[in-house]
Amino acid sequence: MAAAQGRLSDGAGGMDEAKDTEKDRREADTAPLPFRAAVDALKAARLRPQIEVEPTPPPKRLAPYTYALEAAVVDGDQDLADGRLVMLHDPAGHDAWQGTFRLVTLVRAELESEMAADPLLPEVCWSWLTGALQTRGLTYGEPSGTVTRASSHHFGGLSARPAASQIEIRASWTPREGLGGVPDTAAHLASWCDLLAQVAGLPPAGPGDASVVTLPQRRGPQSR
């Protein structure tokens, strides 16, 4: 996860990070039961072996209670894709969410330039997210997001480098709450990992995932 950590983590390191960790533990002990149950489910989720997931410092100003994970799709010592998933919780509810929980994500990967130029790419990428949730039978509301593709061309002393294209998916949705006001966060995490796998170009994990469109011609893995 070293590469993903370098790109995605917010921690400043050193003594300040240690103090933040102690504060987070105290806050976790006093957090509402639904939030603690949702976090426990995330920690206990069983995921594909190619996807490395670990906690990362969450943003503090988006909701009263937050928890974040970062992930990388790994092939040997190379990262195929990376991302972050943030869970927000406001016990009082949030009008824009239409619920007390919200999941926010960032997923990105390198692409072949030809694939990045496909005019249907944004729609296909968005269908990976909704398809991953639907395949696992999850209900959710208020989805929103953006799909961004960017190309980099190198000049001068960097002209020997090939052109690079990247896809980035930013999205959020409200997971429907079950018993005790707790959403099935483990299943939502698994769906998010399905999205990461699709962006990375991995084959479906099982027959139930076969309906999700895969991405051909992705760029080769990036060194970690």
C-alpha atoms as a PDB file:
ATOM      1  CA  MET A   1       0.000   0.000   0.000  1.00  0.00           C
ATOM      2  CA  ALA A   2       3.020   2.312   0.026  1.00  0.00           C
ATOM      3  CA  ALA A   3       2.136   3.960  -3.267  1.00  0.00           C
ATOM      4  CA  ALA A   4      -1.495   4.436  -2.392  1.00  0.00           C
ATOM      5  CA  GLN A   5      -0.547   5.885   0.968  1.00  0.00           C
ATOM      6  CA  GLY A   6       1.734   8.401  -0.657  1.00  0.00           C
ATOM      7  CA  ARG A   7      -1.012   9.572  -2.995  1.00  0.00           C
ATOM      8  CA  LEU A   8      -4.038   9.515  -0.726  1.00  0.00           C
ATOM      9  CA  SER A   9      -3.219   9.864   2.967  1.00  0.00           C
ATOM     10  CA  ASP A  10      -3.803  13.146   4.782  1.00  0.00           C
ATOM     11  CA  GLY A  11      -1.683  12.461   7.876  1.00  0.00           C
ATOM     12  CA  ALA A  12       1.116  14.893   8.624  1.00  0.00           C
ATOM     13  CA  GLY A  13       3.244  12.296  10.375  1.00  0.00           C
ATOM     14  CA  GLY A  14       5.287  12.497  13.548  1.00  0.00           C
ATOM     15  CA  MET A  15       3.943  13.510  16.961  1.00  0.00           C
ATOM     16  CA  ASP A  16       0.874  15.302  15.559  1.00  0.00           C
ATOM     17  CA  GLU A  17      -0.277  12.113  13.867  1.00  0.00           C
ATOM     18  CA  ALA A  18       0.149  10.155  17.121  1.00  0.00           C
ATOM     19  CA  LYS A  19      -1.951  12.728  18.980  1.00  0.00           C
ATOM     20  CA  ASP A  20      -4.634  12.536  16.285  1.00  0.00           C
ATOM     21  CA  THR A  21      -4.684   8.741  16.606  1.00  0.00           C
ATOM     22  CA  GLU A  22      -5.263   8.953  20.382  1.00  0.00           C
ATOM     23  CA  LYS A  23      -8.039  11.492  19.853  1.00  0.00           C
ATOM     24  CA  ASP A  24      -9.645   9.273  17.205  1.00  0.00           C
ATOM     25  CA  ARG A  25      -9.671   6.353  19.641  1.00  0.00           C
ATOM     26  CA  ARG A  26     -11.373   8.430  22.316  1.00  0.00           C
ATOM     27  CA  GLU A  27     -13.955   9.657  19.822  1.00  0.00           C
ATOM     28  CA  ALA A  28     -14.568   6.102  18.601  1.00  0.00           C
ATOM     29  CA  ASP A  29     -15.307   4.957  22.158  1.00  0.00           C
ATOM     30  CA  THR A  30     -18.016   7.621  22.545  1.00  0.00           C
ATOM     31  CA  ALA A  31     -19.469   7.414  19.020  1.00  0.00           C
ATOM     32  CA  PRO A  32     -23.117   6.375  18.537  1.00  0.00           C
ATOM     33  CA  LEU A  33     -23.763   2.639  18.419  1.00  0.00           C
ATOM     34  CA  PRO A  34     -24.888   2.607  14.736  1.00  0.00           C
ATOM     35  CA  PHE A  35     -21.636   4.270  13.683  1.00  0.00           C
ATOM     36  CA  ARG A  36     -19.525   1.860  15.734  1.00  0.00           C
ATOM     37  CA  ALA A  37     -21.420  -1.103  14.292  1.00  0.00           C
ATOM     38  CA  ALA A  38     -20.902   0.222  10.763  1.00  0.00           C
ATOM     39  CA  VAL A  39     -17.166   0.631  11.372  1.00  0.00           C
ATOM     40  CA  ASP A  40     -16.886  -2.863  12.868  1.00  0.00           C
ATOM     41  CA  ALA A  41     -18.573  -4.301   9.771  1.00  0.00           C
ATOM     42  CA  LEU A  42     -16.071  -2.525   7.520  1.00  0.00           C
ATOM     43  CA  LYS A  43     -13.168  -3.926   9.523  1.00  0.00           C
ATOM     44  CA  ALA A  44     -14.573  -7.477   9.375  1.00  0.00           C
ATOM     45  CA  ALA A  45     -15.348  -7.510   5.635  1.00  0.00           C
ATOM     46  CA  ARG A  46     -13.688 -10.252   3.559  1.00  0.00           C
ATOM     47  CA  LEU A  47     -12.390  -8.905   0.251  1.00  0.00           C
ATOM     48  CA  ARG A  48     -10.596 -10.038  -2.876  1.00  0.00           C
ATOM     49  CA  PRO A  49      -6.941 -10.910  -2.173  1.00  0.00           C
ATOM     50  CA  GLN A  50      -5.713  -8.590  -4.944  1.00  0.00           C
ATOM     51  CA  ILE A  51      -7.103  -5.567  -3.090  1.00  0.00           C
ATOM     52  CA  GLU A  52      -5.189  -4.191  -0.119  1.00  0.00           C
ATOM     53  CA  VAL A  53      -7.347  -2.086   2.205  1.00  0.00           C
ATOM     54  CA  GLU A  54      -6.362  -0.240   5.356  1.00  0.00           C
ATOM     55  CA  PRO A  55      -7.642   2.683   7.482  1.00  0.00           C
ATOM     56  CA  THR A  56      -6.529   6.207   6.699  1.00  0.00           C
ATOM     57  CA  PRO A  57      -7.141   9.505   8.543  1.00  0.00           C
ATOM     58  CA  PRO A  58     -10.658  10.684   7.597  1.00  0.00           C
ATOM     59  CA  PRO A  59     -11.726  14.263   6.859  1.00  0.00           C
ATOM     60  CA  LYS A  60     -13.038  15.893  10.022  1.00  0.00           C
ATOM     61  CA  ARG A  61     -15.371  18.629   8.785  1.00  0.00           C
ATOM     62  CA  LEU A  62     -17.822  16.717   6.590  1.00  0.00           C
ATOM     63  CA  ALA A  63     -19.847  15.092   9.378  1.00  0.00           C
ATOM     64  CA  PRO A  64     -19.807  14.626  13.164  1.00  0.00           C
ATOM     65  CA  TYR A  65     -18.455  11.071  12.743  1.00  0.00           C
ATOM     66  CA  THR A  66     -16.235   9.863   9.926  1.00  0.00           C
ATOM     67  CA  TYR A  67     -14.213   6.793   9.024  1.00  0.00           C
ATOM     68  CA  ALA A  68     -12.016   6.283   5.968  1.00  0.00           C
ATOM     69  CA  LEU A  69     -10.276   3.482   4.109  1.00  0.00           C
ATOM     70  CA  GLU A  70      -7.794   3.544   1.276  1.00  0.00           C
ATOM     71  CA  ALA A  71      -7.158   0.707  -1.119  1.00  0.00           C
ATOM     72  CA  ALA A  72      -4.901  -0.391  -3.940  1.00  0.00           C
ATOM     73  CA  VAL A  73      -5.400  -3.157  -6.476  1.00  0.00           C
ATOM     74  CA  VAL A  74      -2.070  -4.962  -6.387  1.00  0.00           C
ATOM     75  CA  ASP A  75      -0.360  -7.303  -8.831  1.00  0.00           C
ATOM     76  CA  GLY A  76       2.938  -8.370  -7.287  1.00  0.00           C
ATOM     77  CA  ASP A  77       4.722  -5.114  -6.458  1.00  0.00           C
ATOM     78  CA  GLN A  78       2.637  -3.025  -8.871  1.00  0.00           C
ATOM     79  CA  ASP A  79      -0.521  -0.970  -8.310  1.00  0.00           C
ATOM     80  CA  LEU A  80      -3.236  -1.291 -10.953  1.00  0.00           C
ATOM     81  CA  ALA A  81      -5.666   1.198  -9.380  1.00  0.00           C
ATOM     82  CA  ASP A  82      -6.181   2.983  -6.084  1.00  0.00           C
ATOM     83  CA  GLY A  83      -8.930   4.741  -4.191  1.00  0.00           C
ATOM     84  CA  ARG A  84     -10.419   5.997  -0.968  1.00  0.00           C
ATOM     85  CA  LEU A  85     -13.785   5.310   0.649  1.00  0.00           C
ATOM     86  CA  VAL A  86     -15.090   7.643   3.374  1.00  0.00           C
ATOM     87  CA  MET A  87     -18.093   6.882   5.581  1.00  0.00           C
ATOM     88  CA  LEU A  88     -19.912   9.874   7.048  1.00  0.00           C
ATOM     89  CA  HIS A  89     -22.461   9.733   9.858  1.00  0.00           C
ATOM     90  CA  ASP A  90     -24.713  12.438  11.257  1.00  0.00           C
ATOM     91  CA  PRO A  91     -27.131  11.059  13.880  1.00  0.00           C
ATOM     92  CA  ALA A  92     -29.440  14.050  13.293  1.00  0.00           C
ATOM     93  CA  GLY A  93     -29.763  13.202   9.628  1.00  0.00           C
ATOM     94  CA  HIS A  94     -28.854  15.299   6.608  1.00  0.00           C
ATOM     95  CA  ASP A  95     -31.360  16.728   4.119  1.00  0.00           C
ATOM     96  CA  ALA A  96     -29.054  16.294   1.131  1.00  0.00           C
ATOM     97  CA  TRP A  97     -28.290  12.686   2.076  1.00  0.00           C
ATOM     98  CA  GLN A  98     -31.873  11.697   2.934  1.00  0.00           C
ATOM     99  CA  GLY A  99     -30.384   9.567   5.716  1.00  0.00           C
ATOM    100  CA  THR A 100     -27.858   9.526   8.534  1.00  0.00           C
ATOM    101  CA  PHE A 101     -25.027   7.820   6.625  1.00  0.00           C
ATOM    102  CA  ARG A 102     -23.220   8.778   3.434  1.00  0.00           C
ATOM    103  CA  LEU A 103     -20.453   7.025   1.496  1.00  0.00           C
ATOM    104  CA  VAL A 104     -17.998   9.112  -0.507  1.00  0.00           C
ATOM    105  CA  THR A 105     -15.405   7.664  -2.851  1.00  0.00           C
ATOM    106  CA  LEU A 106     -12.498   8.433  -5.128  1.00  0.00           C
ATOM    107  CA  VAL A 107     -11.220   5.765  -7.550  1.00  0.00           C
ATOM    108  CA  ARG A 108      -8.577   6.183 -10.244  1.00  0.00           C
ATOM    109  CA  ALA A 109      -6.402   4.247 -12.664  1.00  0.00           C
ATOM    110  CA  GLU A 110      -4.231   4.718 -15.740  1.00  0.00           C
ATOM    111  CA  LEU A 111      -5.723   4.001 -19.192  1.00  0.00           C
ATOM    112  CA  GLU A 112      -4.559   3.510 -22.729  1.00  0.00           C
ATOM    113  CA  SER A 113      -4.927   6.778 -24.627  1.00  0.00           C
ATOM    114  CA  GLU A 114      -7.223   5.183 -27.200  1.00  0.00           C
ATOM    115  CA  MET A 115      -9.632   4.001 -24.514  1.00  0.00           C
ATOM    116  CA  ALA A 116      -9.547   7.367 -22.767  1.00  0.00           C
ATOM    117  CA  ALA A 117     -10.718   8.982 -26.021  1.00  0.00           C
ATOM    118  CA  ASP A 118     -13.861   6.822 -26.184  1.00  0.00           C
ATOM    119  CA  PRO A 119     -16.831   9.225 -25.935  1.00  0.00           C
ATOM    120  CA  LEU A 120     -18.862   6.630 -24.008  1.00  0.00           C
ATOM    121  CA  LEU A 121     -16.201   6.140 -21.328  1.00  0.00           C
ATOM    122  CA  PRO A 122     -17.807   8.370 -18.646  1.00  0.00           C
ATOM    123  CA  GLU A 123     -21.165   6.580 -18.940  1.00  0.00           C
ATOM    124  CA  VAL A 124     -19.494   3.172 -18.813  1.00  0.00           C
ATOM    125  CA  CYS A 125     -17.458   4.119 -15.746  1.00  0.00           C
ATOM    126  CA  TRP A 126     -20.543   5.380 -13.911  1.00  0.00           C
ATOM    127  CA  SER A 127     -22.317   2.113 -14.775  1.00  0.00           C
ATOM    128  CA  TRP A 128     -19.522   0.215 -13.022  1.00  0.00           C
ATOM    129  CA  LEU A 129     -20.447   1.888  -9.739  1.00  0.00           C
ATOM    130  CA  THR A 130     -24.201   1.456 -10.027  1.00  0.00           C
ATOM    131  CA  GLY A 131     -23.775  -2.047 -11.453  1.00  0.00           C
ATOM    132  CA  ALA A 132     -21.504  -3.099  -8.585  1.00  0.00           C
ATOM    133  CA  LEU A 133     -24.122  -1.983  -6.037  1.00  0.00           C
ATOM    134  CA  GLN A 134     -27.002  -3.591  -7.910  1.00  0.00           C
ATOM    135  CA  THR A 135     -25.156  -6.883  -8.431  1.00  0.00           C
ATOM    136  CA  ARG A 136     -24.936  -7.315  -4.664  1.00  0.00           C
ATOM    137  CA  GLY A 137     -28.587  -6.401  -4.218  1.00  0.00           C
ATOM    138  CA  LEU A 138     -27.883  -3.209  -2.309  1.00  0.00           C
ATOM    139  CA  THR A 139     -30.387  -0.374  -2.034  1.00  0.00           C
ATOM    140  CA  TYR A 140     -29.154   3.196  -1.937  1.00  0.00           C
ATOM    141  CA  GLY A 141     -30.324   6.724  -2.603  1.00  0.00           C
ATOM    142  CA  GLU A 142     -29.229  10.179  -3.740  1.00  0.00           C
ATOM    143  CA  PRO A 143     -26.284   9.035  -5.916  1.00  0.00           C
ATOM    144  CA  SER A 144     -24.098  11.770  -7.387  1.00  0.00           C
ATOM    145  CA  GLY A 145     -20.650  12.043  -8.839  1.00  0.00           C
ATOM    146  CA  THR A 146     -18.288  12.860 -11.672  1.00  0.00           C
ATOM    147  CA  VAL A 147     -16.130  10.870 -14.070  1.00  0.00           C
ATOM    148  CA  THR A 148     -12.997  12.709 -15.187  1.00  0.00           C
ATOM    149  CA  ARG A 149     -10.446  11.683 -17.758  1.00  0.00           C
ATOM    150  CA  ALA A 150      -7.144  13.495 -18.145  1.00  0.00           C
ATOM    151  CA  SER A 151      -4.199  13.157 -20.511  1.00  0.00           C
ATOM    152  CA  SER A 152      -0.580  14.123 -19.916  1.00  0.00           C
ATOM    153  CA  HIS A 153       1.915  14.827 -22.700  1.00  0.00           C
ATOM    154  CA  HIS A 154       5.602  15.356 -21.980  1.00  0.00           C
ATOM    155  CA  PHE A 155       7.974  17.828 -23.602  1.00  0.00           C
ATOM    156  CA  GLY A 156      11.590  18.938 -23.438  1.00  0.00           C
ATOM    157  CA  GLY A 157      13.635  16.857 -21.043  1.00  0.00           C
ATOM    158  CA  LEU A 158      10.593  14.629 -20.421  1.00  0.00           C
ATOM    159  CA  SER A 159       9.753  14.057 -24.088  1.00  0.00           C
ATOM    160  CA  ALA A 160      10.930  10.432 -23.951  1.00  0.00           C
ATOM    161  CA  ARG A 161       8.042   9.559 -21.645  1.00  0.00           C
ATOM    162  CA  PRO A 162       4.933   8.207 -23.333  1.00  0.00           C
ATOM    163  CA  ALA A 163       1.660  10.078 -23.109  1.00  0.00           C
ATOM    164  CA  ALA A 164      -0.451   8.992 -20.129  1.00  0.00           C
ATOM    165  CA  SER A 165      -4.200   9.011 -19.550  1.00  0.00           C
ATOM    166  CA  GLN A 166      -6.033   8.635 -16.270  1.00  0.00           C
ATOM    167  CA  ILE A 167      -9.619   7.966 -15.303  1.00  0.00           C
ATOM    168  CA  GLU A 168     -10.982   9.294 -12.014  1.00  0.00           C
ATOM    169  CA  ILE A 169     -14.358   8.501 -10.486  1.00  0.00           C
ATOM    170  CA  ARG A 170     -15.662  10.649  -7.628  1.00  0.00           C
ATOM    171  CA  ALA A 171     -19.024   9.617  -6.233  1.00  0.00           C
ATOM    172  CA  SER A 172     -21.246   9.557  -3.182  1.00  0.00           C
ATOM    173  CA  TRP A 173     -24.443   7.741  -2.242  1.00  0.00           C
ATOM    174  CA  THR A 174     -26.655   7.080   0.773  1.00  0.00           C
ATOM    175  CA  PRO A 175     -26.695   3.445   1.922  1.00  0.00           C
ATOM    176  CA  ARG A 176     -30.128   2.342   3.126  1.00  0.00           C
ATOM    177  CA  GLU A 177     -30.186   1.640   6.846  1.00  0.00           C
ATOM    178  CA  GLY A 178     -31.207  -1.713   8.272  1.00  0.00           C
ATOM    179  CA  LEU A 179     -31.878  -2.939  11.799  1.00  0.00           C
ATOM    180  CA  GLY A 180     -30.814  -0.456  14.458  1.00  0.00           C
ATOM    181  CA  GLY A 181     -30.238   2.193  11.822  1.00  0.00           C
ATOM    182  CA  VAL A 182     -27.082   0.451  10.551  1.00  0.00           C
ATOM    183  CA  PRO A 183     -26.439   0.061   6.808  1.00  0.00           C
ATOM    184  CA  ASP A 184     -24.743  -3.047   5.427  1.00  0.00           C
ATOM    185  CA  THR A 185     -21.382  -1.338   5.156  1.00  0.00           C
ATOM    186  CA  ALA A 186     -19.490  -4.590   4.567  1.00  0.00           C
ATOM    187  CA  ALA A 187     -21.518  -5.236   1.412  1.00  0.00           C
ATOM    188  CA  HIS A 188     -21.055  -1.642   0.256  1.00  0.00           C
ATOM    189  CA  LEU A 189     -17.308  -1.995   0.794  1.00  0.00           C
ATOM    190  CA  ALA A 190     -17.308  -5.216  -1.239  1.00  0.00           C
ATOM    191  CA  SER A 191     -19.194  -3.420  -4.031  1.00  0.00           C
ATOM    192  CA  TRP A 192     -16.669  -0.591  -3.936  1.00  0.00           C
ATOM    193  CA  CYS A 193     -13.878  -3.146  -4.251  1.00  0.00           C
ATOM    194  CA  ASP A 194     -15.731  -4.619  -7.250  1.00  0.00           C
ATOM    195  CA  LEU A 195     -15.582  -1.133  -8.787  1.00  0.00           C
ATOM    196  CA  LEU A 196     -11.852  -0.911  -8.081  1.00  0.00           C
ATOM    197  CA  ALA A 197     -11.330  -4.303  -9.698  1.00  0.00           C
ATOM    198  CA  GLN A 198     -13.263  -3.242 -12.803  1.00  0.00           C
ATOM    199  CA  VAL A 199     -11.238  -0.046 -13.140  1.00  0.00           C
ATOM    200  CA  ALA A 200      -8.033  -2.064 -12.717  1.00  0.00           C
ATOM    201  CA  GLY A 201      -9.076  -4.490 -15.458  1.00  0.00           C
ATOM    202  CA  LEU A 202      -9.369  -7.576 -13.256  1.00  0.00           C
ATOM    203  CA  PRO A 203     -11.779 -10.342 -14.335  1.00  0.00           C
ATOM    204  CA  PRO A 204     -15.054 -10.743 -12.399  1.00  0.00           C
ATOM    205  CA  ALA A 205     -14.634 -12.450  -9.029  1.00  0.00           C
ATOM    206  CA  GLY A 206     -17.492 -14.881  -9.687  1.00  0.00           C
ATOM    207  CA  PRO A 207     -20.495 -15.675 -11.887  1.00  0.00           C
ATOM    208  CA  GLY A 208     -22.602 -13.087 -10.064  1.00  0.00           C
ATOM    209  CA  ASP A 209     -20.310 -10.320 -11.287  1.00  0.00           C
ATOM    210  CA  ALA A 210     -20.328 -11.338 -14.957  1.00  0.00           C
ATOM    211  CA  SER A 211     -22.888  -8.662 -15.943  1.00  0.00           C
ATOM    212  CA  VAL A 212     -20.549  -5.819 -15.024  1.00  0.00           C
ATOM    213  CA  VAL A 213     -18.852  -4.309 -18.059  1.00  0.00           C
ATOM    214  CA  THR A 214     -15.062  -4.656 -18.031  1.00  0.00           C
ATOM    215  CA  LEU A 215     -12.572  -2.119 -19.319  1.00  0.00           C
ATOM    216  CA  PRO A 216     -10.354  -3.275 -22.213  1.00  0.00           C
ATOM    217  CA  GLN A 217      -7.038  -1.740 -23.152  1.00  0.00           C
ATOM    218  CA  ARG A 218      -6.102  -0.357 -19.762  1.00  0.00           C
ATOM    219  CA  ARG A 219      -2.560   0.909 -19.294  1.00  0.00           C
ATOM    220  CA  GLY A 220      -0.020  -1.480 -17.824  1.00  0.00           C
ATOM    221  CA  PRO A 221       0.463  -1.640 -14.036  1.00  0.00           C
ATOM    222  CA  GLN A 222       2.333   1.157 -12.322  1.00  0.00           C
ATOM    223  CA  SER A 223       5.325   0.470 -10.110  1.00  0.00           C
ATOM    224  CA  ARG A 224       4.697   0.996  -6.407  1.00  0.00           C
END
